[in-house]
Protein backbone atom coordinates (compact mmCIF):
# COMPACT_ATOMS: atom_id res chain seq x y z
CA MET A 1 30.20 11.81 0.03
CA ARG A 2 27.66 11.37 2.80
CA LEU A 3 24.12 10.84 1.79
CA ASP A 4 22.83 14.03 3.63
CA GLU A 5 25.58 16.08 2.09
CA PHE A 6 24.52 14.69 -1.45
CA ILE A 7 20.95 15.52 -0.78
CA GLY A 8 21.88 19.11 0.24
CA LYS A 9 24.02 19.90 -2.74
CA THR A 10 21.64 18.23 -5.21
CA THR A 11 18.75 20.22 -3.83
CA ALA A 12 20.64 23.43 -4.10
CA ARG A 13 21.53 22.75 -7.79
CA VAL A 14 17.99 21.81 -8.70
CA VAL A 15 16.48 24.72 -7.07
CA SER A 16 18.86 27.07 -8.87
CA LEU A 17 18.05 25.60 -12.28
CA SER A 18 14.32 25.30 -11.78
CA ASP A 19 13.23 28.26 -9.48
CA ALA A 20 11.48 25.78 -7.33
CA SER A 21 10.36 25.85 -3.79
CA VAL A 22 11.67 23.15 -1.57
CA LEU A 23 9.43 20.91 0.40
CA LEU A 24 11.16 18.83 3.07
CA VAL A 25 9.04 15.77 4.22
CA THR A 26 9.91 14.15 7.54
CA LYS A 27 7.87 11.39 9.44
CA ARG A 28 7.38 11.51 13.24
CA GLN A 29 8.60 8.29 14.78
CA ASN A 30 5.94 5.57 15.35
CA SER A 31 3.34 7.72 13.79
CA SER A 32 1.51 8.43 10.55
CA ILE A 33 2.09 12.21 10.84
CA PHE A 34 4.22 13.86 8.10
CA ASP A 35 5.89 17.09 9.31
CA LEU A 36 6.54 19.44 6.31
CA THR A 37 8.90 22.34 5.97
CA LEU A 38 8.35 24.55 2.92
CA PHE A 39 11.22 26.94 1.94
CA LYS A 40 9.91 29.45 -0.53
CA GLU A 41 11.54 32.63 -1.94
CA ASP A 42 9.35 35.87 -1.76
CA ARG A 43 11.02 39.22 -2.82
CA ASN A 44 14.56 37.95 -2.41
CA GLN A 45 13.64 36.64 1.14
CA ILE A 46 13.51 32.86 2.05
CA ASN A 47 10.27 32.16 3.96
CA ARG A 48 10.01 29.01 6.15
CA ILE A 49 6.45 27.64 6.60
CA LYS A 50 5.69 24.39 8.61
CA TYR A 51 2.62 22.24 8.62
CA SER A 52 1.59 18.60 9.26
CA VAL A 53 -0.54 16.03 7.50
CA ASN A 54 -1.95 12.67 8.72
CA VAL A 55 -1.39 10.06 6.02
CA SER A 56 -2.70 7.12 8.06
CA LYS A 57 -5.20 6.20 5.20
CA LEU A 58 -2.43 6.05 2.54
CA PRO A 59 0.00 3.10 2.36
CA ALA A 60 3.74 3.42 3.11
CA GLY A 61 5.77 3.55 0.01
CA SER A 62 3.03 5.18 -2.09
CA ILE A 63 3.61 8.43 -4.10
CA ALA A 64 0.00 9.23 -3.09
CA ARG A 65 1.40 10.32 0.28
CA ILE A 66 3.43 13.02 -1.55
CA ARG A 67 0.35 14.16 -3.38
CA ALA A 68 -1.51 14.40 -0.13
CA VAL A 69 0.97 16.69 1.56
CA VAL A 70 1.21 18.94 -1.56
CA ILE A 71 -2.58 19.10 -1.89
CA GLU A 72 -2.80 20.14 1.71
CA ALA A 73 -0.31 22.90 1.07
CA ILE A 74 -2.61 23.99 -1.85
CA ASN A 75 -5.65 24.01 0.54
CA LYS A 76 -3.83 25.99 3.08
CA GLY A 77 -2.82 28.63 0.46
CA ILE A 78 0.86 27.78 0.98
CA LEU A 79 1.28 26.82 -2.72
CA LYS A 80 -0.55 27.79 -5.71
CA SER A 81 -1.02 27.21 -9.39
CA GLY A 82 2.12 27.79 -11.35
CA ASP A 83 4.57 27.01 -8.52
CA ASN A 84 7.43 24.57 -9.00
CA VAL A 85 8.18 22.21 -6.17
CA LEU A 86 11.05 20.13 -5.27
CA CYS A 87 10.02 17.57 -2.79
CA VAL A 88 12.86 16.01 -0.71
CA THR A 89 12.49 13.25 1.69
CA ASP A 90 14.57 10.33 3.16
CA LYS A 91 12.97 7.10 4.32
CA SER A 92 9.73 8.74 5.39
CA LEU A 93 7.92 7.54 2.44
CA GLY A 94 8.93 3.93 2.91
CA GLU A 95 11.89 1.74 3.87
CA GLN A 96 12.43 1.01 0.12
CA PHE A 97 13.53 4.77 -0.30
CA GLU A 98 17.11 5.79 0.80
CA GLY A 99 16.08 9.26 -0.40
CA LEU A 100 13.63 10.70 -2.96
CA PHE A 101 13.69 13.96 -5.05
CA LEU A 102 10.47 14.80 -6.87
CA LEU A 103 10.27 17.87 -8.92
CA PHE A 104 7.00 18.87 -10.44
CA LYS A 105 4.94 21.97 -11.54
CA ILE A 106 1.60 22.62 -9.81
CA ASP A 107 -0.58 23.03 -12.92
CA GLU A 108 -4.21 22.45 -13.87
CA GLU A 109 -3.66 18.64 -14.19
CA PHE A 110 -2.10 18.43 -10.67
CA LEU A 111 -4.89 20.56 -9.16
CA ASN A 112 -7.56 18.17 -10.76
CA VAL A 113 -6.03 15.20 -8.75
CA SER A 114 -8.99 14.38 -6.47
CA GLU A 115 -9.02 12.45 -3.30
CA LYS A 116 -10.94 9.75 -4.92
CA LYS A 117 -7.95 9.29 -7.43
CA ILE A 118 -5.47 9.15 -4.54
CA GLU A 119 -7.50 6.39 -2.80
CA LYS A 120 -7.64 4.51 -6.06
CA GLU A 121 -3.91 4.57 -6.35
CA SER A 122 -3.49 3.54 -2.73
CA LYS A 123 -5.78 0.56 -3.18
CA GLN A 124 -3.70 -0.53 -6.27
CA ASN A 125 -0.45 -0.26 -4.16
CA VAL A 126 -1.79 -2.40 -1.38
CA PHE A 127 -2.99 -5.07 -4.07
CA GLU A 128 0.53 -5.16 -5.62
CA THR A 129 2.10 -5.68 -2.04
CA LEU A 130 -0.28 -8.52 -1.41
CA LEU A 131 0.47 -10.08 -4.93
CA ASN A 132 4.17 -9.71 -4.33
CA ILE A 133 4.01 -11.41 -1.00
CA ALA A 134 2.04 -14.18 -2.55
CA ARG A 135 4.79 -14.73 -5.27
CA GLU A 136 7.50 -14.83 -2.69
CA ILE A 137 5.51 -17.54 -0.72
CA GLY A 138 4.90 -19.35 -3.91
CA ARG A 139 8.63 -19.40 -4.75
CA GLU A 140 10.09 -19.84 -1.29
CA GLY A 141 7.45 -21.64 0.68
CA ARG A 142 8.29 -21.71 4.45
CA GLU A 143 11.04 -23.44 6.38
CA GLY A 144 11.94 -25.47 3.37
CA ARG A 145 8.46 -26.79 2.29
CA LYS A 146 5.81 -25.62 0.05
CA ILE A 147 2.69 -23.93 1.53
CA GLY A 148 -0.65 -22.83 0.23
CA THR A 149 -2.42 -19.87 1.43
CA GLY A 150 -4.93 -17.15 0.42
CA PHE A 151 -5.61 -13.35 0.70
CA ILE A 152 -9.08 -11.83 0.54
CA PHE A 153 -8.58 -8.13 -0.39
CA GLY A 154 -11.29 -5.50 -0.04
CA ASP A 155 -15.07 -5.40 0.98
CA SER A 156 -13.77 -6.70 4.52
CA LYS A 157 -16.99 -5.96 6.28
CA ASN A 158 -18.99 -8.39 4.09
CA VAL A 159 -16.07 -10.82 3.92
CA MET A 160 -15.93 -11.08 7.59
CA LYS A 161 -19.68 -11.54 7.85
CA LYS A 162 -19.41 -14.54 5.45
CA SER A 163 -16.39 -16.24 7.13
CA THR A 164 -15.53 -17.66 10.64
CA GLN A 165 -12.38 -17.84 12.70
CA LEU A 166 -10.63 -21.30 12.59
CA ILE A 167 -8.11 -20.16 15.14
CA LEU A 168 -7.48 -17.36 17.49
CA ASN A 169 -7.13 -14.29 15.27
CA PRO A 170 -3.32 -13.12 15.67
CA PHE A 171 -4.37 -9.75 14.42
CA SER A 172 -7.12 -9.02 16.77
CA SER A 173 -5.19 -7.16 19.49
CA ALA A 174 -3.64 -4.44 17.52
CA LYS A 175 -3.78 -2.64 14.25
CA TYR A 176 -1.53 -3.96 11.57
CA ASN A 177 -1.22 -2.85 7.97
CA ILE A 178 0.28 -4.96 5.04
CA MET A 179 2.35 -2.00 4.05
CA GLN A 180 4.31 -1.79 7.23
CA ALA A 181 8.08 -2.23 7.15
CA GLY A 182 9.09 -5.46 8.55
CA LEU A 183 5.69 -7.21 8.62
CA LYS A 184 6.32 -9.46 5.60
CA GLU A 185 8.07 -12.04 7.55
CA THR A 186 5.10 -12.24 10.04
CA ILE A 187 2.59 -12.61 7.23
CA LYS A 188 4.65 -15.40 5.79
CA GLU A 189 4.97 -17.22 9.13
CA PHE A 190 0.95 -17.02 9.65
CA ALA A 191 0.55 -18.16 5.95
CA GLN A 192 1.42 -21.66 7.27
CA LEU A 193 -2.18 -21.71 9.22
CA ASP A 194 -5.21 -22.89 7.48
CA GLY A 195 -7.49 -20.43 6.25
CA PHE A 196 -7.46 -16.93 4.62
CA PHE A 197 -6.10 -13.58 5.40
CA VAL A 198 -8.68 -10.76 5.31
CA VAL A 199 -7.06 -7.28 4.29
CA GLY A 200 -9.04 -4.10 3.89
CA GLU A 201 -8.50 -1.76 0.92
CA ASP A 202 -6.35 0.57 3.07
CA GLY A 203 -4.07 -2.46 3.91
CA THR A 204 -5.34 -3.08 7.40
CA ILE A 205 -5.09 -6.87 8.24
CA HIS A 206 -8.40 -7.86 9.89
CA ALA A 207 -7.79 -11.54 10.30
CA ALA A 208 -5.77 -14.53 9.50
CA GLY A 209 -6.92 -18.25 9.79
CA ARG A 210 -10.39 -17.22 8.39
CA TYR A 211 -12.71 -19.90 6.95
CA LEU A 212 -14.90 -18.90 4.19
CA SER A 213 -18.56 -19.78 4.76
CA VAL A 214 -19.75 -19.46 1.32
CA ASP A 215 -21.82 -21.53 -1.13
CA THR A 216 -19.33 -22.88 -4.02
CA SER A 217 -22.06 -24.43 -6.06
CA GLY A 218 -21.89 -23.13 -9.77
CA ILE A 219 -18.21 -22.51 -9.58
CA ASP A 220 -16.80 -24.78 -12.08
CA MET A 221 -13.08 -24.95 -11.95
CA PRO A 222 -11.82 -28.59 -12.72
CA GLY A 223 -8.64 -29.48 -11.03
CA LEU A 224 -8.76 -26.92 -8.23
CA GLY A 225 -9.35 -27.66 -4.70
CA ALA A 226 -11.53 -26.35 -1.89
CA ARG A 227 -9.37 -23.30 -1.09
CA HIS A 228 -9.77 -21.98 -4.78
CA LEU A 229 -13.33 -22.68 -5.05
CA SER A 230 -14.22 -20.88 -1.81
CA ALA A 231 -11.95 -17.93 -2.81
CA ALA A 232 -13.74 -17.68 -6.08
CA ALA A 233 -17.22 -17.98 -4.30
CA ILE A 234 -16.38 -15.17 -1.95
CA THR A 235 -15.60 -12.78 -4.93
CA ARG A 236 -18.97 -13.70 -6.34
CA GLU A 237 -20.89 -12.80 -3.20
CA THR A 238 -18.76 -9.62 -2.30
CA ASP A 239 -16.79 -6.87 -3.90
CA ALA A 240 -13.55 -8.51 -2.74
CA VAL A 241 -10.65 -9.82 -4.83
CA ALA A 242 -8.88 -13.11 -3.89
CA ILE A 243 -5.34 -14.14 -4.21
CA VAL A 244 -4.61 -17.81 -3.66
CA VAL A 245 -1.23 -19.56 -3.64
CA SER A 246 -1.24 -23.25 -4.54
CA GLU A 247 0.41 -25.59 -2.19
CA SER A 248 1.34 -27.78 -5.26
CA GLY A 249 3.70 -25.77 -7.31
CA GLY A 250 3.18 -22.55 -5.83
CA ILE A 251 1.02 -21.15 -8.69
CA ILE A 252 -0.62 -17.80 -8.07
CA ARG A 253 -4.30 -17.31 -9.00
CA VAL A 254 -6.35 -14.18 -8.74
CA PHE A 255 -10.23 -14.29 -8.45
CA LYS A 256 -12.85 -11.41 -9.00
CA GLY A 257 -16.55 -11.82 -9.61
CA GLY A 258 -16.44 -15.61 -9.17
CA LYS A 259 -13.97 -16.04 -11.97
CA MET A 260 -10.25 -16.55 -12.26
CA ILE A 261 -8.76 -13.43 -13.78
CA LYS A 262 -4.99 -14.13 -13.56
CA GLU A 263 -2.76 -17.18 -13.27
CA GLU A 264 1.03 -17.14 -13.00
CA SER A 265 3.86 -19.41 -11.97
CA PRO A 266 5.95 -18.35 -8.96
């Protein structure tokens, strides 16, 4: 059975059992605009309602994008409290999804989901993506050899002020996001350069090859080198989080507030 045929049959069956409206989510090519089509029954008649939502501030692969499009429908008066909704999408949410069915009821708890909570979830998704890339670099290295690198996540404005560019910034000419499909290999390639990546809370990559101009005095971490000390120091002077991959052994260490808060083997 073809995937689109399976999705169609499954959608029809779920709707018949749950009395749900169907929300189809598609993404415009090379865009952060989601186009939505809501099929909703009213007095034995199926109404089709179309609207669009810009999800550029929310990372790819995040359920927060689905929340955003549903909340927009609520704000427009298209959906309301008590409605059952079956959300159906293909790879629009992210390349890791072949297809997604999400059935939920719009109740008081859902309506209380604020934009702040969505942003918090998005930030966590970006951090987890960075951590997973660091793990892969720690395990695999690059071109058959071990490499060390670091990511400074969050509070990018202050981090950029407290750092300098060691080389020509490969991310200065265009806007790239750590959540973009197919960008992982590019990140791993640039990880061979000296210096740190600077990544914003929304996943925007501001720079690679960045030298941290921070005072490391008072950072007591015996056995760790300059990369780890400067990473710890930048998190003491800013609200950023640092992820460092050790060249010797590929060990992953995470720093916050000037202290190491996590250590794991690759």
